[in-house]
N, C-alpha and C. Protein backbone atom coordinates (compact mmCIF):
# COMPACT_ATOMS: atom_id res chain seq x y z
N GLY A 1 5.20 4.85 20.56
CA GLY A 1 5.64 3.50 20.93
C GLY A 1 6.04 2.64 19.93
N SER A 2 5.83 1.61 20.15
CA SER A 2 6.26 0.55 18.85
C SER A 2 4.83 -0.28 19.19
N ILE A 3 4.29 -0.86 18.20
CA ILE A 3 3.41 -1.86 18.34
C ILE A 3 3.78 -3.02 19.11
N SER A 4 2.47 -3.68 19.67
CA SER A 4 2.75 -4.73 20.74
C SER A 4 2.80 -5.79 19.79
N GLN A 5 3.67 -7.08 19.73
CA GLN A 5 3.76 -8.15 18.77
C GLN A 5 2.45 -8.99 18.95
N GLY A 6 1.92 -9.27 17.81
CA GLY A 6 0.82 -9.87 17.87
C GLY A 6 0.36 -10.26 16.08
N VAL A 7 -1.03 -10.33 16.27
CA VAL A 7 -1.24 -10.93 14.97
C VAL A 7 -2.54 -9.69 14.38
N PHE A 8 -2.50 -9.61 13.05
CA PHE A 8 -3.55 -8.82 12.37
C PHE A 8 -3.92 -9.58 10.97
N LEU A 9 -5.18 -9.49 10.81
CA LEU A 9 -5.46 -9.80 9.43
C LEU A 9 -5.24 -8.91 8.31
N GLU A 10 -4.97 -9.68 7.37
CA GLU A 10 -4.37 -8.80 6.03
C GLU A 10 -5.14 -9.34 5.28
N ARG A 11 -5.69 -8.16 4.20
CA ARG A 11 -6.49 -8.63 2.97
C ARG A 11 -5.93 -9.26 2.36
N ALA A 12 -5.98 -10.75 1.62
CA ALA A 12 -5.93 -11.22 0.55
C ALA A 12 -6.43 -11.58 -0.61
N GLY A 13 -7.25 -10.49 -1.24
CA GLY A 13 -7.93 -10.58 -2.28
C GLY A 13 -9.53 -10.74 -1.80
N GLU A 14 -10.36 -10.75 -2.70
CA GLU A 14 -11.79 -10.11 -2.38
C GLU A 14 -12.36 -10.86 -1.18
N GLY A 15 -12.47 -10.68 -0.12
CA GLY A 15 -13.08 -11.15 1.19
C GLY A 15 -12.41 -12.44 1.73
N ASN A 16 -11.17 -12.12 1.22
CA ASN A 16 -10.27 -13.46 1.97
C ASN A 16 -9.16 -12.51 2.43
N TYR A 17 -9.05 -12.98 3.74
CA TYR A 17 -7.89 -12.37 4.59
C TYR A 17 -6.94 -13.54 5.26
N LYS A 18 -5.59 -13.43 5.60
CA LYS A 18 -4.52 -14.43 5.83
C LYS A 18 -4.04 -13.45 7.22
N VAL A 19 -3.63 -14.44 8.01
CA VAL A 19 -3.10 -13.59 9.36
C VAL A 19 -1.61 -13.44 9.06
N ARG A 20 -1.36 -12.42 9.43
CA ARG A 20 0.29 -11.89 9.37
C ARG A 20 0.64 -11.56 10.76
N GLU A 21 1.84 -11.55 10.89
CA GLU A 21 2.34 -11.43 12.45
C GLU A 21 2.70 -10.08 12.06
N MET A 22 2.77 -9.31 13.61
CA MET A 22 3.28 -7.92 13.41
C MET A 22 4.49 -8.07 14.58
N LYS A 23 5.50 -7.59 14.11
CA LYS A 23 6.88 -7.58 14.92
C LYS A 23 6.83 -6.23 15.78
N ASP A 24 7.41 -6.42 17.13
CA ASP A 24 7.36 -5.20 17.79
C ASP A 24 8.33 -4.30 17.38
N GLU A 25 8.98 -4.09 16.18
CA GLU A 25 9.64 -3.23 15.59
C GLU A 25 9.32 -2.13 14.78
N THR A 26 7.92 -2.45 14.49
CA THR A 26 7.20 -1.67 13.55
C THR A 26 6.21 -0.98 14.35
N VAL A 27 6.21 0.44 13.53
CA VAL A 27 5.12 1.83 14.27
C VAL A 27 4.10 2.02 13.17
N TYR A 28 3.14 2.55 13.69
CA TYR A 28 1.96 3.01 12.72
C TYR A 28 1.95 4.76 12.69
N VAL A 29 1.98 4.77 11.22
CA VAL A 29 2.11 6.42 11.42
C VAL A 29 1.14 6.65 10.12
N THR A 30 0.27 7.82 10.34
CA THR A 30 -0.49 8.26 9.24
C THR A 30 -0.07 9.46 8.70
N GLY A 31 -0.48 10.07 7.82
CA GLY A 31 -0.69 11.61 7.18
C GLY A 31 -1.82 11.95 6.57
N GLU A 32 -2.18 13.38 6.51
CA GLU A 32 -3.59 13.60 6.00
C GLU A 32 -2.88 14.68 4.84
N SER A 33 -4.18 15.22 4.51
CA SER A 33 -4.05 16.32 3.50
C SER A 33 -5.36 16.63 3.12
N ARG A 34 -5.92 17.83 3.32
CA ARG A 34 -7.12 18.25 3.25
C ARG A 34 -7.10 19.04 1.78
N THR A 35 -7.93 18.93 1.16
CA THR A 35 -8.21 19.61 0.04
C THR A 35 -9.63 19.97 -0.55
N SER A 36 -9.42 20.80 -1.24
CA SER A 36 -10.67 21.36 -2.09
C SER A 36 -10.96 20.94 -2.81
N VAL A 37 -10.18 19.88 -3.86
CA VAL A 37 -10.93 18.82 -5.19
C VAL A 37 -11.80 18.19 -4.53
N GLU A 38 -12.79 18.33 -5.51
CA GLU A 38 -14.03 17.41 -5.36
C GLU A 38 -14.10 16.29 -6.25
N ASN A 39 -13.57 15.24 -5.20
CA ASN A 39 -13.65 13.73 -5.83
C ASN A 39 -14.40 12.77 -4.84
N ALA A 40 -14.34 11.55 -5.23
CA ALA A 40 -14.97 10.59 -4.44
C ALA A 40 -14.62 10.51 -3.12
N ILE A 41 -13.09 10.51 -2.78
CA ILE A 41 -12.29 10.66 -1.69
C ILE A 41 -12.78 11.48 -0.79
N THR A 42 -12.30 12.73 -1.26
CA THR A 42 -12.89 13.96 -0.35
C THR A 42 -14.22 14.19 -0.01
N LYS A 43 -15.46 13.49 -1.01
CA LYS A 43 -16.80 13.69 -0.68
C LYS A 43 -17.05 12.56 0.36
N THR A 44 -16.45 11.44 0.69
CA THR A 44 -16.44 10.40 1.31
C THR A 44 -15.81 10.53 2.81
N TYR A 45 -14.63 10.68 2.69
CA TYR A 45 -13.73 10.94 4.13
C TYR A 45 -13.62 12.43 4.84
N GLY A 46 -13.84 13.38 3.59
CA GLY A 46 -13.39 14.58 3.85
C GLY A 46 -12.19 15.24 3.87
N ALA A 47 -11.08 14.48 3.86
CA ALA A 47 -9.54 14.53 3.52
C ALA A 47 -8.99 13.13 2.81
N PHE A 48 -7.75 12.94 2.62
CA PHE A 48 -6.99 12.34 2.01
C PHE A 48 -6.22 11.67 3.15
N TYR A 49 -6.12 10.60 3.42
CA TYR A 49 -5.34 9.87 4.39
C TYR A 49 -4.37 8.51 4.14
N VAL A 50 -2.96 8.72 4.42
CA VAL A 50 -2.41 7.60 4.19
C VAL A 50 -2.07 6.89 5.47
N ALA A 51 -1.89 5.49 5.57
CA ALA A 51 -1.49 5.17 6.94
C ALA A 51 0.13 4.00 6.60
N PHE A 52 0.69 4.33 7.33
CA PHE A 52 2.03 3.17 7.10
C PHE A 52 2.26 2.44 8.28
N GLU A 53 2.73 1.26 8.10
CA GLU A 53 3.56 0.30 9.19
C GLU A 53 4.96 0.39 8.58
N ILE A 54 5.71 0.70 9.48
CA ILE A 54 6.96 1.11 9.29
C ILE A 54 8.01 0.74 10.50
N ASN A 55 8.79 0.04 9.86
CA ASN A 55 10.11 -0.83 10.84
C ASN A 55 10.72 0.46 11.46
N GLY A 56 10.45 0.68 12.80
CA GLY A 56 11.24 1.89 13.22
C GLY A 56 12.46 1.88 13.31
N ARG A 57 13.42 0.52 13.02
CA ARG A 57 14.98 0.59 13.11
C ARG A 57 15.56 0.96 11.75
N THR A 58 14.70 0.51 10.75
CA THR A 58 15.16 1.01 9.26
C THR A 58 14.59 1.86 8.63
N GLY A 59 13.38 2.39 9.17
CA GLY A 59 12.30 2.98 7.98
C GLY A 59 11.68 2.60 7.09
N GLU A 60 11.78 1.19 6.78
CA GLU A 60 11.31 0.53 5.75
C GLU A 60 9.77 0.59 5.69
N ILE A 61 9.14 0.60 4.69
CA ILE A 61 7.77 0.80 4.95
C ILE A 61 7.03 -1.03 4.69
N VAL A 62 6.58 -1.48 5.41
CA VAL A 62 6.19 -2.60 5.46
C VAL A 62 4.87 -2.97 5.21
N GLU A 63 3.97 -2.24 5.40
CA GLU A 63 2.39 -2.25 4.50
C GLU A 63 2.09 -0.42 4.74
N ALA A 64 1.33 -0.38 3.89
CA ALA A 64 0.47 0.57 3.65
C ALA A 64 -0.95 0.83 3.11
N ASP A 65 -1.79 1.74 3.51
CA ASP A 65 -3.10 2.17 3.04
C ASP A 65 -3.39 3.34 2.84
N CYS A 66 -4.62 3.56 1.98
CA CYS A 66 -4.89 4.77 1.84
C CYS A 66 -6.52 5.11 1.90
N SER A 67 -6.94 6.37 1.95
CA SER A 67 -8.55 6.25 2.27
C SER A 67 -9.16 6.47 0.73
N GLY A 68 -8.50 5.69 -0.28
CA GLY A 68 -9.12 5.59 -1.93
C GLY A 68 -10.06 5.04 -1.54
N THR A 69 -11.10 5.35 -2.40
CA THR A 69 -12.76 4.59 -2.34
C THR A 69 -12.68 3.19 -3.33
N LEU A 70 -11.89 3.15 -4.12
CA LEU A 70 -11.52 2.02 -4.89
C LEU A 70 -10.55 0.92 -4.51
N GLU A 71 -10.84 -0.37 -4.55
CA GLU A 71 -9.70 -1.28 -3.84
C GLU A 71 -8.64 -1.25 -4.72
N LEU A 72 -8.70 -0.95 -6.30
CA LEU A 72 -7.85 -0.82 -7.06
C LEU A 72 -6.67 0.39 -6.60
N THR A 73 -7.16 1.50 -6.24
CA THR A 73 -6.43 2.86 -5.59
C THR A 73 -5.43 2.49 -4.57
N ARG A 74 -6.24 1.75 -3.46
CA ARG A 74 -5.43 1.59 -2.53
C ARG A 74 -4.57 0.29 -2.51
N SER A 75 -4.36 -0.73 -3.38
CA SER A 75 -3.65 -1.33 -4.01
C SER A 75 -2.42 -0.61 -4.55
N PHE A 76 -3.07 -0.04 -5.59
CA PHE A 76 -1.43 0.42 -6.48
C PHE A 76 -1.06 1.56 -5.58
N VAL A 77 -1.35 1.94 -4.49
CA VAL A 77 -0.74 3.07 -3.47
C VAL A 77 0.17 2.32 -2.68
N ARG A 78 -0.54 1.12 -2.44
CA ARG A 78 0.30 -0.02 -1.34
C ARG A 78 1.72 -0.43 -2.06
N ARG A 79 1.73 -0.91 -3.27
CA ARG A 79 2.74 -1.20 -4.09
C ARG A 79 3.84 -0.21 -4.47
N MET A 80 3.24 1.31 -4.59
CA MET A 80 4.25 2.10 -4.56
C MET A 80 5.01 2.43 -3.68
N PHE A 81 4.53 2.16 -2.24
CA PHE A 81 5.25 2.36 -1.07
C PHE A 81 5.76 1.25 -0.42
N VAL A 82 5.41 0.15 -0.52
CA VAL A 82 5.90 -0.94 0.23
C VAL A 82 7.39 -1.43 -0.30
N GLY A 83 8.14 -1.52 0.79
CA GLY A 83 9.60 -1.99 0.52
C GLY A 83 10.61 -0.82 0.35
N LYS A 84 10.13 0.43 0.37
CA LYS A 84 11.02 1.72 0.40
C LYS A 84 11.14 2.07 1.83
N ARG A 85 11.96 2.96 1.87
CA ARG A 85 12.35 3.80 3.24
C ARG A 85 11.22 5.00 3.43
N ILE A 86 10.66 5.12 4.19
CA ILE A 86 10.21 6.43 4.10
C ILE A 86 11.03 7.80 4.33
N LEU A 87 11.85 7.87 4.95
CA LEU A 87 12.93 9.17 4.93
C LEU A 87 13.86 8.99 3.92
N GLU A 88 14.67 7.88 3.54
CA GLU A 88 15.78 7.68 2.65
C GLU A 88 15.25 7.87 1.42
N ASP A 89 14.31 7.25 1.24
CA ASP A 89 13.74 7.06 -0.53
C ASP A 89 12.68 8.43 -0.73
N ASP A 90 12.85 9.50 -0.28
CA ASP A 90 11.64 10.33 -0.12
C ASP A 90 11.38 10.78 -1.69
N GLN A 91 12.69 11.00 -2.32
CA GLN A 91 12.70 11.94 -3.71
C GLN A 91 12.30 10.22 -4.44
N LYS A 92 12.97 9.20 -4.30
CA LYS A 92 12.29 8.17 -5.11
C LYS A 92 10.89 8.08 -5.30
N ILE A 93 10.37 7.92 -3.79
CA ILE A 93 8.65 7.97 -3.81
C ILE A 93 7.74 8.79 -4.52
N GLU A 94 8.55 10.15 -4.00
CA GLU A 94 7.69 11.34 -4.86
C GLU A 94 8.05 11.12 -6.47
N GLU A 95 8.93 11.05 -6.77
CA GLU A 95 9.15 10.80 -8.42
C GLU A 95 8.31 9.66 -8.92
N GLU A 96 8.14 8.51 -8.34
CA GLU A 96 7.16 7.23 -8.81
C GLU A 96 5.98 7.55 -8.58
N ILE A 97 5.52 8.52 -7.57
CA ILE A 97 3.87 9.06 -7.33
C ILE A 97 3.81 9.74 -8.50
N ARG A 98 4.62 10.99 -8.89
CA ARG A 98 4.36 11.69 -10.03
C ARG A 98 4.49 11.25 -11.46
N ARG A 99 5.21 10.04 -11.60
CA ARG A 99 5.70 9.31 -12.85
C ARG A 99 4.26 8.40 -13.28
N ARG A 100 3.68 7.73 -12.23
CA ARG A 100 2.93 6.41 -11.87
C ARG A 100 1.40 6.94 -11.84
N TYR A 101 1.17 7.84 -10.98
CA TYR A 101 0.01 7.71 -10.15
C TYR A 101 -0.91 9.31 -11.10
N PHE A 102 -2.08 8.97 -11.71
CA PHE A 102 -2.76 9.93 -12.35
C PHE A 102 -4.00 10.25 -12.08
N GLY A 103 -4.32 9.72 -10.83
CA GLY A 103 -5.83 9.74 -9.97
C GLY A 103 -5.73 11.48 -9.83
N SER A 104 -7.18 11.63 -9.54
CA SER A 104 -7.56 13.10 -9.29
C SER A 104 -6.94 13.51 -7.77
N SER A 105 -6.43 12.43 -7.12
CA SER A 105 -6.16 12.88 -5.77
C SER A 105 -4.31 13.04 -5.67
N VAL A 106 -3.78 12.95 -6.85
CA VAL A 106 -2.29 12.97 -6.96
C VAL A 106 -1.67 13.88 -5.97
N LYS A 107 -2.12 15.36 -5.91
CA LYS A 107 -1.28 16.16 -4.88
C LYS A 107 -1.47 15.89 -3.73
N ALA A 108 -3.07 15.37 -3.38
CA ALA A 108 -3.50 15.02 -1.81
C ALA A 108 -2.26 13.94 -1.28
N LEU A 109 -2.30 12.83 -1.97
CA LEU A 109 -1.36 11.95 -1.79
C LEU A 109 0.18 12.31 -1.65
N LEU A 110 0.36 13.25 -2.33
CA LEU A 110 2.00 13.47 -2.07
C LEU A 110 1.83 14.47 -0.58
N VAL A 111 1.14 15.36 -0.40
CA VAL A 111 0.92 15.94 0.62
C VAL A 111 0.79 14.88 2.08
N ALA A 112 -0.16 14.09 2.01
CA ALA A 112 -0.24 13.10 3.03
C ALA A 112 0.96 12.30 3.34
N TYR A 113 1.61 11.93 2.19
CA TYR A 113 3.14 10.99 2.39
C TYR A 113 4.07 11.95 3.06
N ARG A 114 4.33 13.51 2.54
CA ARG A 114 4.93 14.16 3.41
C ARG A 114 4.69 14.18 4.95
N ASP A 115 3.46 14.33 5.16
CA ASP A 115 2.89 14.58 6.23
C ASP A 115 3.12 13.31 7.44
N ALA A 116 2.98 12.22 6.94
CA ALA A 116 3.36 11.10 7.52
C ALA A 116 5.23 11.05 7.53
N ARG A 117 5.86 11.54 6.72
CA ARG A 117 7.26 10.92 6.49
C ARG A 117 7.66 12.20 8.03
N LYS A 118 7.38 13.64 7.86
CA LYS A 118 7.29 14.37 8.97
C LYS A 118 7.39 13.97 10.24
N ARG A 119 6.07 13.23 10.43
CA ARG A 119 5.81 12.44 11.47
C ARG A 119 6.82 11.56 11.86
N PHE A 120 7.09 10.65 10.98
CA PHE A 120 7.86 9.30 11.23
C PHE A 120 9.38 10.13 11.79
N GLY A 121 9.66 11.24 11.13
CA GLY A 121 10.90 12.01 11.55
C GLY A 121 11.12 12.69 12.95
N GLN A 122 9.86 13.03 13.43
CA GLN A 122 10.03 13.50 14.77
C GLN A 122 9.59 12.53 15.80
N ILE A 123 9.25 11.32 15.34
CA ILE A 123 9.28 10.13 16.59
C ILE A 123 10.52 9.83 16.69
N GLN A 124 10.81 9.52 15.61
CA GLN A 124 12.41 9.04 15.62
C GLN A 124 13.60 10.09 16.44
N GLU A 125 13.53 11.47 15.97
CA GLU A 125 13.79 12.53 16.81
C GLU A 125 14.06 12.66 18.20
N ARG A 126 12.75 12.43 18.64
CA ARG A 126 12.22 12.07 19.71
C ARG A 126 12.69 10.74 20.75
N GLY A 127 13.56 9.88 19.84
CA GLY A 127 13.93 8.61 20.59
C GLY A 127 12.55 7.82 20.85
N GLN A 128 11.42 7.87 20.20
CA GLN A 128 10.19 6.90 20.88
C GLN A 128 10.40 5.79 20.13
N ILE A 129 11.23 5.48 18.99
CA ILE A 129 11.53 4.05 18.58
C ILE A 129 12.98 4.18 18.50
């Protein structure tokens, strides 16, 4: 279902947070990728995860995060996804990841994104949003 209307704290720089209103038309969807690549992310979390807050009506990604161990990684990933539509912009998103992201977790990021995209599509097909 959809997220209840409310507020949450959004990181706004080091140690600072700002209040952002959640709209009841957004949903929270995650994707994961299990990988054998030995990097800090998989050593810390055991897998690579991405999380999206998505407008259920339009498919637009309004917020994104990942299990990156560095704030810069998480911020960079966020900027690549926010503003794009998870289903309709899939080729554009994957091309941008391949063109701009050269971290050791690039394959894991692609797989986790595809997993989240699949989950969102299933939610839409079942009419849950």
